[in-house]
Amino acid sequence: MKNKNLISINDYSKEEMLRVLDLAEEFEKNPTQAILNGKVIATLFFEPSTRTRLSFESAVNRLGGKIIGFSDSSSSSATKGESLKDTIKTVSNYSDLIVMRHPIEGSARYASEVATVPVINAGDGANQHPTQTLLDLYSIRKTQDTLDNLNLFIVGDLKYGRTVHSLLMAMALFNATYYFISPKELSIPQEYKMFLDHLGLKYYEHTDFKDIISEADIMYVTRVQKERFSDPIEYEKTKNAYVLRNRMLQNTKSNLKILHPLPRVNEINTDVDDNAKAYYFTQALNGVYTRQAIISLILGLKN
């Protein structure tokens, strides 16, 4: 995995994903190690981020590395008209690894083609978010003791949700059964249903989860993303389509865990937070260990 870009979750085999999870488990036991001493990691966030950017920076700092970059494109030369190619080629000269978030789909793949150092995709538009998927897999395995044969409920924005698209493809390697719950305007794109059909995996589409929630092993809730809508009226129609409340969890499985890539808006009521089935804040913490594992493997510091 040394010097290997991570742009799509499909860039990693099942075995490589499991290696990341195993190493993340090791980092959880001992997160402070000086193995990045002398290494410089560039974090280029052309789009706002809290958890992804800060967990990458926490991962690097705990491993003794240095961070350069920006958290807002307005503080970069992109505001002066500099091309993405020129930015990436320049930053390659200053760093050992580039972590990039960008609003345009395909931008991360393009960056990996012009960079002279490895690139990690921290989210490109509505396309993919592979490091989020790996921390999601880590969270699922940690709470269920397996990744195999689970009932995976995915709720909310299934059309634009890049975390949804990456997770769907990864969990296909583990024979998941999918329950897609969304308003029709935000339903899972046809290409992902074709992907599951090709693999012979089961999936069901619903517009509500109240009558079926008792079947869930993992409930992966996503927000309706205002920034992905060109029509504000469409956003207003769908933004509060689902709200998970604590009382809805009464007759659910004992092993159920509620995941959310965050940020949360209205889709999980705060009365869920104290329920033992709520896992989203620990899920965010798992991002540090998972990203430590990914960085270490790409830089050849672990194998």
Protein backbone atom coordinates (compact mmCIF):
# COMPACT_ATOMS: atom_id res chain seq x y z
CA MET A 1 0.00 0.00 0.00
CA LYS A 2 3.07 2.25 0.10
CA ASN A 3 2.76 5.37 -2.08
CA LYS A 4 -0.73 4.28 -3.14
CA ASN A 5 -3.32 7.01 -3.64
CA LEU A 6 -6.69 6.68 -1.91
CA ILE A 7 -9.22 8.38 -4.17
CA SER A 8 -12.09 5.90 -4.25
CA ILE A 9 -12.92 3.16 -1.79
CA ASN A 10 -12.55 0.85 -4.79
CA ASP A 11 -8.83 1.64 -4.82
CA TYR A 12 -8.46 -0.73 -1.87
CA SER A 13 -9.10 -4.46 -1.97
CA LYS A 14 -11.04 -6.16 0.80
CA GLU A 15 -7.76 -7.35 2.28
CA GLU A 16 -6.31 -3.82 2.24
CA MET A 17 -9.43 -2.43 3.94
CA LEU A 18 -9.15 -5.05 6.66
CA ARG A 19 -5.46 -4.21 7.11
CA VAL A 20 -6.42 -0.57 7.71
CA LEU A 21 -8.99 -1.63 10.31
CA ASP A 22 -6.52 -3.92 12.09
CA LEU A 23 -3.91 -1.17 12.20
CA ALA A 24 -6.49 1.37 13.41
CA GLU A 25 -7.19 -0.99 16.29
CA GLU A 26 -3.49 -0.92 17.15
CA PHE A 27 -3.46 2.89 17.04
CA GLU A 28 -6.50 3.07 19.29
CA LYS A 29 -4.47 1.23 21.94
CA ASN A 30 -1.45 3.50 21.40
CA PRO A 31 -2.33 6.65 19.42
CA THR A 32 0.80 8.65 20.27
CA GLN A 33 3.83 7.45 18.31
CA ALA A 34 6.63 9.55 16.78
CA ILE A 35 6.68 7.70 13.47
CA LEU A 36 5.95 10.79 11.32
CA ASN A 37 8.94 12.73 12.59
CA GLY A 38 10.34 14.74 9.66
CA LYS A 39 7.24 14.21 7.48
CA VAL A 40 5.05 17.06 6.20
CA ILE A 41 1.37 16.47 5.41
CA ALA A 42 -0.52 19.04 3.33
CA THR A 43 -4.25 19.42 4.03
CA LEU A 44 -5.95 21.32 1.20
CA PHE A 45 -9.59 21.98 2.02
CA PHE A 46 -11.30 23.90 -0.76
CA GLU A 47 -14.62 23.19 1.01
CA PRO A 48 -15.53 23.57 4.71
CA SER A 49 -14.82 20.70 7.09
CA THR A 50 -14.61 20.18 10.83
CA ARG A 51 -14.29 16.48 11.68
CA THR A 52 -12.40 15.34 8.59
CA ARG A 53 -9.83 18.13 8.66
CA LEU A 54 -9.33 18.14 12.42
CA SER A 55 -9.15 14.35 12.70
CA PHE A 56 -6.49 14.27 9.97
CA GLU A 57 -4.57 17.00 11.78
CA SER A 58 -4.98 15.24 15.12
CA ALA A 59 -3.77 11.99 13.53
CA VAL A 60 -0.66 13.68 12.12
CA ASN A 61 0.12 15.60 15.32
CA ARG A 62 -0.20 12.48 17.48
CA LEU A 63 2.27 10.74 15.18
CA GLY A 64 4.81 13.57 15.34
CA GLY A 65 4.34 15.00 11.83
CA LYS A 66 3.89 18.56 10.60
CA ILE A 67 0.80 20.05 8.93
CA ILE A 68 0.68 22.70 6.20
CA GLY A 69 -2.24 23.81 4.10
CA PHE A 70 -5.48 25.76 4.30
CA SER A 71 -9.01 25.22 5.57
CA ASP A 72 -10.74 27.64 3.22
CA SER A 73 -10.12 28.16 -0.49
CA SER A 74 -10.45 31.93 0.04
CA SER A 75 -7.06 31.82 1.76
CA SER A 76 -5.41 30.07 -1.19
CA SER A 77 -4.25 31.31 -4.57
CA ALA A 78 -7.36 29.75 -6.12
CA THR A 79 -8.99 33.14 -5.44
CA LYS A 80 -6.39 34.65 -7.78
CA GLY A 81 -7.31 32.21 -10.53
CA GLU A 82 -4.59 29.60 -9.96
CA SER A 83 -5.51 26.27 -11.51
CA LEU A 84 -5.89 23.12 -9.43
CA LYS A 85 -3.03 21.60 -11.40
CA ASP A 86 -0.64 24.38 -10.45
CA THR A 87 -1.71 24.29 -6.81
CA ILE A 88 -1.17 20.53 -6.56
CA LYS A 89 2.17 20.53 -8.38
CA THR A 90 3.42 23.34 -6.14
CA VAL A 91 2.23 21.77 -2.89
CA SER A 92 3.81 18.46 -3.97
CA ASN A 93 7.16 20.20 -3.64
CA TYR A 94 6.46 21.07 -0.02
CA SER A 95 4.97 17.85 1.35
CA ASP A 96 5.17 14.07 1.58
CA LEU A 97 1.42 13.51 1.27
CA ILE A 98 -1.59 15.59 0.20
CA VAL A 99 -5.05 15.33 1.79
CA MET A 100 -7.60 17.20 -0.31
CA ARG A 101 -11.29 18.09 -0.14
CA HIS A 102 -12.84 19.77 -3.16
CA PRO A 103 -16.44 20.52 -4.24
CA ILE A 104 -15.99 19.19 -7.80
CA GLU A 105 -16.45 15.49 -8.50
CA GLY A 106 -13.34 13.95 -10.03
CA SER A 107 -11.03 16.65 -8.67
CA ALA A 108 -9.22 14.25 -6.35
CA ARG A 109 -8.52 11.77 -9.14
CA TYR A 110 -7.18 14.59 -11.28
CA ALA A 111 -5.00 15.80 -8.39
CA SER A 112 -3.52 12.31 -8.00
CA GLU A 113 -2.58 12.31 -11.68
CA VAL A 114 -0.58 15.56 -11.48
CA ALA A 115 0.86 15.22 -7.95
CA THR A 116 4.33 13.82 -7.34
CA VAL A 117 3.33 12.60 -3.85
CA PRO A 118 0.40 10.38 -2.80
CA VAL A 119 -3.06 11.96 -2.57
CA ILE A 120 -5.89 11.10 -0.19
CA ASN A 121 -9.40 12.13 -1.19
CA ALA A 122 -11.12 13.80 1.78
CA GLY A 123 -14.31 14.25 -0.25
CA ASP A 124 -14.93 15.36 -3.83
CA GLY A 125 -18.38 16.82 -4.31
CA ALA A 126 -21.15 14.20 -4.16
CA ASN A 127 -18.78 11.50 -5.40
CA GLN A 128 -16.75 9.69 -2.70
CA HIS A 129 -15.29 10.01 0.79
CA PRO A 130 -13.16 6.86 1.23
CA THR A 131 -11.50 7.68 4.58
CA GLN A 132 -14.95 8.26 6.08
CA THR A 133 -15.95 4.85 4.77
CA LEU A 134 -12.96 3.18 6.40
CA LEU A 135 -13.74 4.77 9.77
CA ASP A 136 -17.37 3.71 9.28
CA LEU A 137 -16.24 0.14 8.65
CA TYR A 138 -14.07 0.32 11.77
CA SER A 139 -17.04 1.57 13.79
CA ILE A 140 -19.34 -1.14 12.43
CA ARG A 141 -16.87 -3.94 13.09
CA LYS A 142 -16.09 -2.62 16.56
CA THR A 143 -19.76 -2.49 17.58
CA GLN A 144 -20.98 -5.66 15.83
CA ASP A 145 -17.84 -7.83 16.11
CA THR A 146 -18.24 -8.52 12.39
CA LEU A 147 -18.81 -6.84 9.05
CA ASP A 148 -20.58 -9.81 7.51
CA ASN A 149 -24.29 -10.31 6.75
CA LEU A 150 -25.59 -7.18 8.46
CA ASN A 151 -28.85 -5.30 7.87
CA LEU A 152 -27.68 -1.80 6.95
CA PHE A 153 -30.26 0.99 7.07
CA ILE A 154 -29.15 4.12 5.21
CA VAL A 155 -31.39 7.12 5.85
CA GLY A 156 -31.64 10.60 4.36
CA ASP A 157 -29.78 12.04 1.39
CA LEU A 158 -28.91 9.02 -0.74
CA LYS A 159 -28.62 10.98 -3.98
CA TYR A 160 -25.87 13.46 -3.07
CA GLY A 161 -24.39 11.74 -0.01
CA ARG A 162 -20.79 10.82 -0.86
CA THR A 163 -20.42 8.94 2.43
CA VAL A 164 -23.42 6.82 1.44
CA HIS A 165 -22.00 5.96 -1.97
CA SER A 166 -18.63 4.87 -0.62
CA LEU A 167 -20.13 2.88 2.27
CA LEU A 168 -22.52 1.06 -0.03
CA MET A 169 -19.67 -0.17 -2.22
CA ALA A 170 -17.49 -1.21 0.70
CA MET A 171 -20.20 -3.12 2.55
CA ALA A 172 -20.99 -5.02 -0.65
CA LEU A 173 -17.79 -6.96 0.04
CA PHE A 174 -19.38 -8.24 3.25
CA ASN A 175 -22.76 -9.40 1.94
CA ALA A 176 -24.81 -6.60 3.49
CA THR A 177 -28.57 -6.33 3.06
CA TYR A 178 -29.48 -2.71 2.33
CA TYR A 179 -32.52 -0.72 3.38
CA PHE A 180 -32.56 2.63 1.59
CA ILE A 181 -34.85 5.16 3.29
CA SER A 182 -35.23 8.52 1.60
CA PRO A 183 -37.71 10.90 -0.01
CA LYS A 184 -38.12 10.11 -3.70
CA GLU A 185 -36.25 13.30 -4.61
CA LEU A 186 -33.15 11.99 -2.81
CA SER A 187 -33.33 8.28 -3.63
CA ILE A 188 -30.26 6.16 -4.28
CA PRO A 189 -28.98 6.73 -7.86
CA GLN A 190 -29.70 4.02 -10.41
CA GLU A 191 -26.04 3.19 -10.97
CA TYR A 192 -25.67 2.01 -7.38
CA LYS A 193 -28.74 -0.21 -7.67
CA MET A 194 -27.26 -1.68 -10.83
CA PHE A 195 -24.03 -2.29 -8.92
CA LEU A 196 -25.91 -4.25 -6.23
CA ASP A 197 -28.00 -6.10 -8.83
CA HIS A 198 -24.82 -7.22 -10.57
CA LEU A 199 -23.53 -8.65 -7.29
CA GLY A 200 -26.86 -10.28 -6.46
CA LEU A 201 -27.19 -8.39 -3.18
CA LYS A 202 -30.55 -7.62 -1.59
CA TYR A 203 -31.81 -4.07 -1.19
CA TYR A 204 -35.14 -2.50 -0.35
CA GLU A 205 -36.33 1.06 -0.89
CA HIS A 206 -38.63 2.81 1.58
CA THR A 207 -39.85 6.32 2.24
CA ASP A 208 -40.14 5.77 6.02
CA PHE A 209 -38.38 3.65 8.63
CA LYS A 210 -40.81 3.59 11.55
CA ASP A 211 -42.37 0.20 10.69
CA ILE A 212 -39.11 -1.56 9.78
CA ILE A 213 -36.53 -0.14 12.21
CA SER A 214 -36.70 -3.34 14.29
CA GLU A 215 -34.75 -5.11 11.49
CA ALA A 216 -31.72 -2.81 11.65
CA ASP A 217 -28.24 -3.78 12.86
CA ILE A 218 -26.72 -0.46 11.77
CA MET A 219 -28.70 2.71 11.10
CA TYR A 220 -26.60 5.16 9.11
CA VAL A 221 -28.30 8.56 9.19
CA THR A 222 -27.28 11.43 6.91
CA ARG A 223 -28.31 15.06 6.73
CA VAL A 224 -29.97 16.63 3.72
CA GLN A 225 -27.10 18.69 2.32
CA LYS A 226 -28.15 22.24 1.49
CA GLU A 227 -24.90 22.89 -0.39
CA ARG A 228 -25.71 20.19 -2.97
CA PHE A 229 -29.03 21.78 -4.01
CA SER A 230 -29.22 24.27 -6.85
CA ASP A 231 -32.91 24.88 -6.07
CA PRO A 232 -33.52 26.18 -2.50
CA ILE A 233 -37.21 25.26 -2.76
CA GLU A 234 -36.31 21.59 -3.26
CA TYR A 235 -34.06 21.76 -0.22
CA GLU A 236 -36.81 23.25 1.95
CA LYS A 237 -39.19 20.48 0.85
CA THR A 238 -36.86 17.68 1.94
CA LYS A 239 -34.66 19.05 4.73
CA ASN A 240 -36.80 17.70 7.58
CA ALA A 241 -38.00 14.52 5.90
CA TYR A 242 -36.85 12.33 8.78
CA VAL A 243 -36.13 12.92 12.43
CA LEU A 244 -34.98 9.99 14.57
CA ARG A 245 -36.23 10.27 18.15
CA ASN A 246 -35.36 8.25 21.21
CA ARG A 247 -38.84 6.75 21.55
CA MET A 248 -38.47 5.14 18.10
CA LEU A 249 -35.66 2.92 19.43
CA GLN A 250 -37.76 1.09 22.01
CA ASN A 251 -38.31 -2.13 20.05
CA THR A 252 -35.04 -2.26 18.15
CA LYS A 253 -32.32 -4.91 18.27
CA SER A 254 -30.00 -4.88 21.27
CA ASN A 255 -26.98 -4.66 18.96
CA LEU A 256 -28.32 -1.69 16.97
CA LYS A 257 -25.96 1.26 16.65
CA ILE A 258 -26.83 4.66 15.21
CA LEU A 259 -24.09 6.13 12.99
CA HIS A 260 -23.91 9.55 11.36
CA PRO A 261 -20.98 11.09 9.42
CA LEU A 262 -21.88 14.48 10.96
CA PRO A 263 -22.53 17.37 11.04
CA ARG A 264 -26.01 16.77 12.37
CA VAL A 265 -28.79 19.27 11.72
CA ASN A 266 -32.30 18.05 12.65
CA GLU A 267 -32.25 14.42 11.54
CA ILE A 268 -31.29 12.94 14.95
CA ASN A 269 -33.01 14.53 17.91
CA THR A 270 -30.72 15.33 20.82
CA ASP A 271 -32.77 13.01 23.04
CA VAL A 272 -31.07 10.11 21.21
CA ASP A 273 -27.61 11.19 22.37
CA ASP A 274 -27.79 9.52 25.79
CA ASN A 275 -29.10 6.24 24.40
CA ALA A 276 -26.48 3.46 24.44
CA LYS A 277 -27.33 2.81 20.78
CA ALA A 278 -26.08 6.26 19.75
CA TYR A 279 -22.53 5.88 18.45
CA TYR A 280 -21.91 8.90 16.21
CA PHE A 281 -19.56 10.82 18.52
CA THR A 282 -17.38 7.76 19.14
CA GLN A 283 -17.54 7.15 15.39
CA ALA A 284 -15.96 10.60 14.89
CA LEU A 285 -13.19 9.71 17.36
CA ASN A 286 -12.53 6.51 15.40
CA GLY A 287 -11.60 8.77 12.48
CA VAL A 288 -8.32 9.66 14.20
CA TYR A 289 -7.18 6.05 14.54
CA THR A 290 -8.33 5.09 11.06
CA ARG A 291 -6.60 8.04 9.43
CA GLN A 292 -3.43 7.32 11.39
CA ALA A 293 -3.54 3.84 9.89
CA ILE A 294 -4.12 5.10 6.34
CA ILE A 295 -1.32 7.68 6.50
CA SER A 296 1.14 5.20 8.01
CA LEU A 297 0.44 2.59 5.35
CA ILE A 298 0.67 5.02 2.44
CA LEU A 299 3.97 6.43 3.71
CA GLY A 300 5.33 2.93 4.27
CA LEU A 301 5.78 3.46 8.01
CA LYS A 302 3.66 0.38 8.75
CA ASN A 303 3.02 -2.67 6.61
